[in-house]
Amino acid sequence: MATSTGTGTESGTGTDSGMRTTERLSALVADVREAVGRGLPPDVTAYLVGEKLAPHLGAADLLTAEQYEGDAERYRQHLLHSEDDGSFSIVGLVWLPGQETPIHDHVSWCVTGVHQGEEHERRYRLVPAGGDGEPARLVATEDVVNPQGSVCGFAPPGDIHRVWNGCRQKAVSLHLYGADIARLGSSVRRVYDLPASDR
């Protein structure tokens, strides 16, 4: 088991490997391990993991003080846990006001839960290039404001989105992935640099 805190972003600027955890985080890890160990399809696994995550959100004893620290330049990634067999990872993201991701999708199923503040999200669908030479593009399908305590999950395909902190206060969210983020450094499969429309 690797449990650590580090810096970086979802697009993979790396993590540090200090061993810091809490009893509540250890309990969450055990709950997620049980859900993932059932070997169910990715979308069902994401649903079960979300159920395990929800009761811990907002609890004062979930994270250490260091795991609330942000970065003035970009949102900060704290690797909280990476399972030895690579089956799942837990990441804490700290967002200062205005910080955001690029439009991206993911390498695996993903569950997000808002621990503090609000997380804003815009979801997209990919329109492939047309046979008449029309280029591929993205179309926004939904704008979501995820308040403290909210949980959402998804599994590829259909997981293209952009996330940001649209509030005046710091936001903290937990992101759980069915992948080894300690090894990969990031949950991002692809960053999309395509024209995007509002539907």
C-alpha atoms as a PDB file:
ATOM      1  CA  MET A   1       0.000   0.000   0.000  1.00  0.00           C
ATOM      2  CA  ALA A   2       1.290   3.457  -0.875  1.00  0.00           C
ATOM      3  CA  THR A   3      -0.324   6.361   0.923  1.00  0.00           C
ATOM      4  CA  SER A   4       1.211   9.721   0.264  1.00  0.00           C
ATOM      5  CA  THR A   5       0.806  13.398  -0.349  1.00  0.00           C
ATOM      6  CA  GLY A   6       2.282  15.288  -3.256  1.00  0.00           C
ATOM      7  CA  THR A   7       1.992  18.111  -5.708  1.00  0.00           C
ATOM      8  CA  GLY A   8       1.014  18.165  -9.322  1.00  0.00           C
ATOM      9  CA  THR A   9      -2.021  18.381 -11.522  1.00  0.00           C
ATOM     10  CA  GLU A  10      -4.428  16.014 -13.169  1.00  0.00           C
ATOM     11  CA  SER A  11      -2.386  16.456 -16.321  1.00  0.00           C
ATOM     12  CA  GLY A  12       0.574  14.942 -14.579  1.00  0.00           C
ATOM     13  CA  THR A  13       3.257  17.197 -13.115  1.00  0.00           C
ATOM     14  CA  GLY A  14       4.152  14.515 -10.582  1.00  0.00           C
ATOM     15  CA  THR A  15       3.752  13.673  -6.922  1.00  0.00           C
ATOM     16  CA  ASP A  16       5.894  13.449  -3.809  1.00  0.00           C
ATOM     17  CA  SER A  17       6.005  10.353  -1.616  1.00  0.00           C
ATOM     18  CA  GLY A  18       5.607  11.452   1.996  1.00  0.00           C
ATOM     19  CA  MET A  19       3.699   8.857   4.060  1.00  0.00           C
ATOM     20  CA  ARG A  20       0.850  10.744   5.752  1.00  0.00           C
ATOM     21  CA  THR A  21      -2.634   9.437   6.428  1.00  0.00           C
ATOM     22  CA  THR A  22      -5.531   9.532   8.872  1.00  0.00           C
ATOM     23  CA  GLU A  23      -7.651   6.803  10.444  1.00  0.00           C
ATOM     24  CA  ARG A  24     -10.661   7.954   8.444  1.00  0.00           C
ATOM     25  CA  LEU A  25      -8.722   7.840   5.173  1.00  0.00           C
ATOM     26  CA  SER A  26      -7.551   4.319   6.050  1.00  0.00           C
ATOM     27  CA  ALA A  27     -11.187   3.328   6.616  1.00  0.00           C
ATOM     28  CA  LEU A  28     -12.138   4.805   3.233  1.00  0.00           C
ATOM     29  CA  VAL A  29      -9.325   2.856   1.566  1.00  0.00           C
ATOM     30  CA  ALA A  30     -10.618  -0.381   3.105  1.00  0.00           C
ATOM     31  CA  ASP A  31     -14.172   0.371   1.950  1.00  0.00           C
ATOM     32  CA  VAL A  32     -13.038   1.150  -1.596  1.00  0.00           C
ATOM     33  CA  ARG A  33     -10.843  -1.962  -1.683  1.00  0.00           C
ATOM     34  CA  GLU A  34     -13.884  -4.085  -0.871  1.00  0.00           C
ATOM     35  CA  ALA A  35     -15.971  -2.453  -3.616  1.00  0.00           C
ATOM     36  CA  VAL A  36     -13.246  -2.685  -6.270  1.00  0.00           C
ATOM     37  CA  GLY A  37     -12.460  -6.269  -5.268  1.00  0.00           C
ATOM     38  CA  ARG A  38     -15.882  -7.431  -6.428  1.00  0.00           C
ATOM     39  CA  GLY A  39     -14.632  -7.252 -10.022  1.00  0.00           C
ATOM     40  CA  LEU A  40     -17.805  -5.692 -11.397  1.00  0.00           C
ATOM     41  CA  PRO A  41     -18.108  -3.630 -14.615  1.00  0.00           C
ATOM     42  CA  PRO A  42     -16.504  -0.163 -14.460  1.00  0.00           C
ATOM     43  CA  ASP A  43     -19.766   1.804 -14.288  1.00  0.00           C
ATOM     44  CA  VAL A  44     -21.091  -0.372 -11.449  1.00  0.00           C
ATOM     45  CA  THR A  45     -17.761  -0.149  -9.633  1.00  0.00           C
ATOM     46  CA  ALA A  46     -17.855   3.646  -9.890  1.00  0.00           C
ATOM     47  CA  TYR A  47     -21.356   3.674  -8.389  1.00  0.00           C
ATOM     48  CA  LEU A  48     -20.311   1.465  -5.462  1.00  0.00           C
ATOM     49  CA  VAL A  49     -17.150   3.485  -4.829  1.00  0.00           C
ATOM     50  CA  GLY A  50     -19.242   6.660  -4.764  1.00  0.00           C
ATOM     51  CA  GLU A  51     -21.449   5.121  -2.073  1.00  0.00           C
ATOM     52  CA  LYS A  52     -18.345   4.356  -0.005  1.00  0.00           C
ATOM     53  CA  LEU A  53     -16.937   7.870  -0.449  1.00  0.00           C
ATOM     54  CA  ALA A  54     -20.038   9.917   0.383  1.00  0.00           C
ATOM     55  CA  PRO A  55     -20.124   9.414   4.193  1.00  0.00           C
ATOM     56  CA  HIS A  56     -16.553  10.712   4.562  1.00  0.00           C
ATOM     57  CA  LEU A  57     -16.971  14.001   2.693  1.00  0.00           C
ATOM     58  CA  GLY A  58     -16.817  17.058   4.905  1.00  0.00           C
ATOM     59  CA  ALA A  59     -15.367  15.160   7.862  1.00  0.00           C
ATOM     60  CA  ALA A  60     -12.719  17.225   9.649  1.00  0.00           C
ATOM     61  CA  ASP A  61     -10.535  14.169  10.276  1.00  0.00           C
ATOM     62  CA  LEU A  62     -10.362  12.891   6.685  1.00  0.00           C
ATOM     63  CA  LEU A  63      -7.251  14.787   5.537  1.00  0.00           C
ATOM     64  CA  THR A  64      -4.113  16.095   7.198  1.00  0.00           C
ATOM     65  CA  ALA A  65      -3.378  19.833   7.302  1.00  0.00           C
ATOM     66  CA  GLU A  66      -0.788  19.438   4.524  1.00  0.00           C
ATOM     67  CA  GLN A  67      -3.373  17.833   2.251  1.00  0.00           C
ATOM     68  CA  TYR A  68      -5.393  21.070   2.263  1.00  0.00           C
ATOM     69  CA  GLU A  69      -2.464  23.085   0.907  1.00  0.00           C
ATOM     70  CA  GLY A  70      -2.903  24.626  -2.528  1.00  0.00           C
ATOM     71  CA  ASP A  71      -0.567  26.100  -5.132  1.00  0.00           C
ATOM     72  CA  ALA A  72      -0.821  29.680  -6.361  1.00  0.00           C
ATOM     73  CA  GLU A  73       0.113  28.648  -9.932  1.00  0.00           C
ATOM     74  CA  ARG A  74      -2.246  25.702 -10.557  1.00  0.00           C
ATOM     75  CA  TYR A  75      -4.593  23.367  -8.763  1.00  0.00           C
ATOM     76  CA  ARG A  76      -2.646  20.964  -6.594  1.00  0.00           C
ATOM     77  CA  GLN A  77      -2.772  17.176  -6.545  1.00  0.00           C
ATOM     78  CA  HIS A  78      -2.131  15.193  -3.358  1.00  0.00           C
ATOM     79  CA  LEU A  79      -1.770  11.462  -3.963  1.00  0.00           C
ATOM     80  CA  LEU A  80      -3.521  10.035  -0.894  1.00  0.00           C
ATOM     81  CA  HIS A  81      -3.410   6.332  -1.728  1.00  0.00           C
ATOM     82  CA  SER A  82      -2.328   4.016  -4.527  1.00  0.00           C
ATOM     83  CA  GLU A  83      -3.229   0.347  -4.179  1.00  0.00           C
ATOM     84  CA  ASP A  84      -0.277  -2.037  -4.496  1.00  0.00           C
ATOM     85  CA  ASP A  85      -1.905  -3.992  -7.329  1.00  0.00           C
ATOM     86  CA  GLY A  86      -2.722  -0.795  -9.256  1.00  0.00           C
ATOM     87  CA  SER A  87      -6.473  -1.383  -9.056  1.00  0.00           C
ATOM     88  CA  PHE A  88      -7.345   2.049  -7.654  1.00  0.00           C
ATOM     89  CA  SER A  89      -5.962   5.338  -6.400  1.00  0.00           C
ATOM     90  CA  ILE A  90      -7.301   8.179  -4.270  1.00  0.00           C
ATOM     91  CA  VAL A  91      -6.239  11.740  -5.039  1.00  0.00           C
ATOM     92  CA  GLY A  92      -7.067  14.964  -3.224  1.00  0.00           C
ATOM     93  CA  LEU A  93      -7.295  18.062  -5.423  1.00  0.00           C
ATOM     94  CA  VAL A  94      -7.019  21.552  -3.936  1.00  0.00           C
ATOM     95  CA  TRP A  95      -8.400  24.379  -6.070  1.00  0.00           C
ATOM     96  CA  LEU A  96      -7.807  28.035  -5.385  1.00  0.00           C
ATOM     97  CA  PRO A  97     -10.382  30.439  -6.887  1.00  0.00           C
ATOM     98  CA  GLY A  98     -10.327  30.409 -10.697  1.00  0.00           C
ATOM     99  CA  GLN A  99      -8.073  27.366 -11.097  1.00  0.00           C
ATOM    100  CA  GLU A 100      -9.189  24.882 -13.750  1.00  0.00           C
ATOM    101  CA  THR A 101      -8.325  21.839 -15.823  1.00  0.00           C
ATOM    102  CA  PRO A 102      -8.122  21.696 -19.594  1.00  0.00           C
ATOM    103  CA  ILE A 103     -10.846  19.706 -21.359  1.00  0.00           C
ATOM    104  CA  HIS A 104      -9.876  16.064 -20.911  1.00  0.00           C
ATOM    105  CA  ASP A 105     -11.002  12.473 -20.502  1.00  0.00           C
ATOM    106  CA  HIS A 106      -9.690   9.657 -18.325  1.00  0.00           C
ATOM    107  CA  VAL A 107      -7.783   6.384 -18.357  1.00  0.00           C
ATOM    108  CA  SER A 108     -10.340   4.593 -16.160  1.00  0.00           C
ATOM    109  CA  TRP A 109     -13.552   4.898 -14.179  1.00  0.00           C
ATOM    110  CA  CYS A 110     -13.580   7.942 -11.935  1.00  0.00           C
ATOM    111  CA  VAL A 111     -15.523   9.062  -8.869  1.00  0.00           C
ATOM    112  CA  THR A 112     -15.358  12.614  -7.538  1.00  0.00           C
ATOM    113  CA  GLY A 113     -16.618  13.930  -4.232  1.00  0.00           C
ATOM    114  CA  VAL A 114     -16.542  17.524  -3.025  1.00  0.00           C
ATOM    115  CA  HIS A 115     -15.035  17.723   0.456  1.00  0.00           C
ATOM    116  CA  GLN A 116     -15.009  21.515   0.831  1.00  0.00           C
ATOM    117  CA  GLY A 117     -16.425  24.360  -1.268  1.00  0.00           C
ATOM    118  CA  GLU A 118     -17.860  23.812  -4.753  1.00  0.00           C
ATOM    119  CA  GLU A 119     -16.519  22.238  -7.922  1.00  0.00           C
ATOM    120  CA  HIS A 120     -17.843  23.468 -11.268  1.00  0.00           C
ATOM    121  CA  GLU A 121     -17.918  21.145 -14.254  1.00  0.00           C
ATOM    122  CA  ARG A 122     -18.767  21.355 -17.946  1.00  0.00           C
ATOM    123  CA  ARG A 123     -19.335  18.057 -19.746  1.00  0.00           C
ATOM    124  CA  TYR A 124     -18.862  17.518 -23.473  1.00  0.00           C
ATOM    125  CA  ARG A 125     -19.515  15.035 -26.232  1.00  0.00           C
ATOM    126  CA  LEU A 126     -17.114  14.513 -29.105  1.00  0.00           C
ATOM    127  CA  VAL A 127     -18.465  15.001 -32.627  1.00  0.00           C
ATOM    128  CA  PRO A 128     -16.094  13.095 -34.935  1.00  0.00           C
ATOM    129  CA  ALA A 129     -14.725  14.589 -38.120  1.00  0.00           C
ATOM    130  CA  GLY A 130     -17.212  14.425 -40.974  1.00  0.00           C
ATOM    131  CA  GLY A 131     -16.634  12.749 -44.305  1.00  0.00           C
ATOM    132  CA  ASP A 132     -17.052  16.120 -46.009  1.00  0.00           C
ATOM    133  CA  GLY A 133     -13.889  17.461 -44.385  1.00  0.00           C
ATOM    134  CA  GLU A 134     -15.628  18.991 -41.381  1.00  0.00           C
ATOM    135  CA  PRO A 135     -13.196  18.806 -38.439  1.00  0.00           C
ATOM    136  CA  ALA A 136     -13.889  17.047 -35.153  1.00  0.00           C
ATOM    137  CA  ARG A 137     -15.353  19.270 -32.459  1.00  0.00           C
ATOM    138  CA  LEU A 138     -16.713  19.241 -28.928  1.00  0.00           C
ATOM    139  CA  VAL A 139     -20.263  20.131 -27.942  1.00  0.00           C
ATOM    140  CA  ALA A 140     -21.072  21.079 -24.350  1.00  0.00           C
ATOM    141  CA  THR A 141     -23.865  18.891 -22.992  1.00  0.00           C
ATOM    142  CA  GLU A 142     -24.224  19.953 -19.366  1.00  0.00           C
ATOM    143  CA  ASP A 143     -22.997  22.478 -16.811  1.00  0.00           C
ATOM    144  CA  VAL A 144     -22.955  21.224 -13.233  1.00  0.00           C
ATOM    145  CA  VAL A 145     -22.190  22.864  -9.903  1.00  0.00           C
ATOM    146  CA  ASN A 146     -21.182  20.182  -7.409  1.00  0.00           C
ATOM    147  CA  PRO A 147     -21.608  21.467  -3.823  1.00  0.00           C
ATOM    148  CA  GLN A 148     -19.919  20.131  -0.708  1.00  0.00           C
ATOM    149  CA  GLY A 149     -20.963  16.531  -0.122  1.00  0.00           C
ATOM    150  CA  SER A 150     -21.903  15.767  -3.720  1.00  0.00           C
ATOM    151  CA  VAL A 151     -20.584  12.669  -5.484  1.00  0.00           C
ATOM    152  CA  CYS A 152     -20.545  11.830  -9.176  1.00  0.00           C
ATOM    153  CA  GLY A 153     -19.005   8.975 -11.100  1.00  0.00           C
ATOM    154  CA  PHE A 154     -18.495   7.847 -14.658  1.00  0.00           C
ATOM    155  CA  ALA A 155     -16.605   5.399 -16.822  1.00  0.00           C
ATOM    156  CA  PRO A 156     -15.182   5.883 -20.325  1.00  0.00           C
ATOM    157  CA  PRO A 157     -16.367   6.520 -22.956  1.00  0.00           C
ATOM    158  CA  GLY A 158     -18.447   9.632 -22.472  1.00  0.00           C
ATOM    159  CA  ASP A 159     -16.254  11.123 -19.756  1.00  0.00           C
ATOM    160  CA  ILE A 160     -15.020  14.325 -21.398  1.00  0.00           C
ATOM    161  CA  HIS A 161     -15.174  17.361 -19.136  1.00  0.00           C
ATOM    162  CA  ARG A 162     -13.515  20.472 -17.745  1.00  0.00           C
ATOM    163  CA  VAL A 163     -13.458  21.251 -14.018  1.00  0.00           C
ATOM    164  CA  TRP A 164     -12.815  24.525 -12.185  1.00  0.00           C
ATOM    165  CA  ASN A 165     -13.298  26.423  -8.961  1.00  0.00           C
ATOM    166  CA  GLY A 166     -15.763  29.197  -9.766  1.00  0.00           C
ATOM    167  CA  CYS A 167     -16.076  30.412  -6.174  1.00  0.00           C
ATOM    168  CA  ARG A 168     -14.178  32.908  -4.051  1.00  0.00           C
ATOM    169  CA  GLN A 169     -12.983  30.294  -1.564  1.00  0.00           C
ATOM    170  CA  LYS A 170     -10.678  27.298  -1.750  1.00  0.00           C
ATOM    171  CA  ALA A 171     -12.292  24.052  -2.911  1.00  0.00           C
ATOM    172  CA  VAL A 172     -11.095  20.552  -2.016  1.00  0.00           C
ATOM    173  CA  SER A 173     -12.281  17.394  -3.753  1.00  0.00           C
ATOM    174  CA  LEU A 174     -11.420  13.709  -3.661  1.00  0.00           C
ATOM    175  CA  HIS A 175     -11.004  11.871  -6.946  1.00  0.00           C
ATOM    176  CA  LEU A 176     -10.881   8.073  -7.025  1.00  0.00           C
ATOM    177  CA  TYR A 177      -9.666   6.263 -10.128  1.00  0.00           C
ATOM    178  CA  GLY A 178      -9.472   2.669 -11.267  1.00  0.00           C
ATOM    179  CA  ALA A 179      -5.810   3.133 -12.170  1.00  0.00           C
ATOM    180  CA  ASP A 180      -2.365   3.392 -10.592  1.00  0.00           C
ATOM    181  CA  ILE A 181      -1.834   7.152 -10.369  1.00  0.00           C
ATOM    182  CA  ALA A 182       1.447   6.651  -8.481  1.00  0.00           C
ATOM    183  CA  ARG A 183       2.815   5.034 -11.636  1.00  0.00           C
ATOM    184  CA  LEU A 184       0.956   7.049 -14.287  1.00  0.00           C
ATOM    185  CA  GLY A 185       1.234  10.423 -12.559  1.00  0.00           C
ATOM    186  CA  SER A 186      -2.139  11.444 -13.975  1.00  0.00           C
ATOM    187  CA  SER A 187      -5.670  10.218 -14.604  1.00  0.00           C
ATOM    188  CA  VAL A 188      -5.825  11.993 -17.957  1.00  0.00           C
ATOM    189  CA  ARG A 189      -5.979   9.904 -21.113  1.00  0.00           C
ATOM    190  CA  ARG A 190      -6.247  12.804 -23.545  1.00  0.00           C
ATOM    191  CA  VAL A 191      -6.402  16.607 -23.444  1.00  0.00           C
ATOM    192  CA  TYR A 192      -8.714  17.984 -26.145  1.00  0.00           C
ATOM    193  CA  ASP A 193      -7.592  21.005 -28.123  1.00  0.00           C
ATOM    194  CA  LEU A 194     -10.643  21.138 -30.380  1.00  0.00           C
ATOM    195  CA  PRO A 195     -13.266  23.775 -31.168  1.00  0.00           C
ATOM    196  CA  ALA A 196     -15.993  23.661 -28.507  1.00  0.00           C
ATOM    197  CA  SER A 197     -19.548  24.985 -28.716  1.00  0.00           C
ATOM    198  CA  ASP A 198     -22.232  25.526 -26.091  1.00  0.00           C
ATOM    199  CA  ARG A 199     -24.622  22.908 -27.599  1.00  0.00           C
END
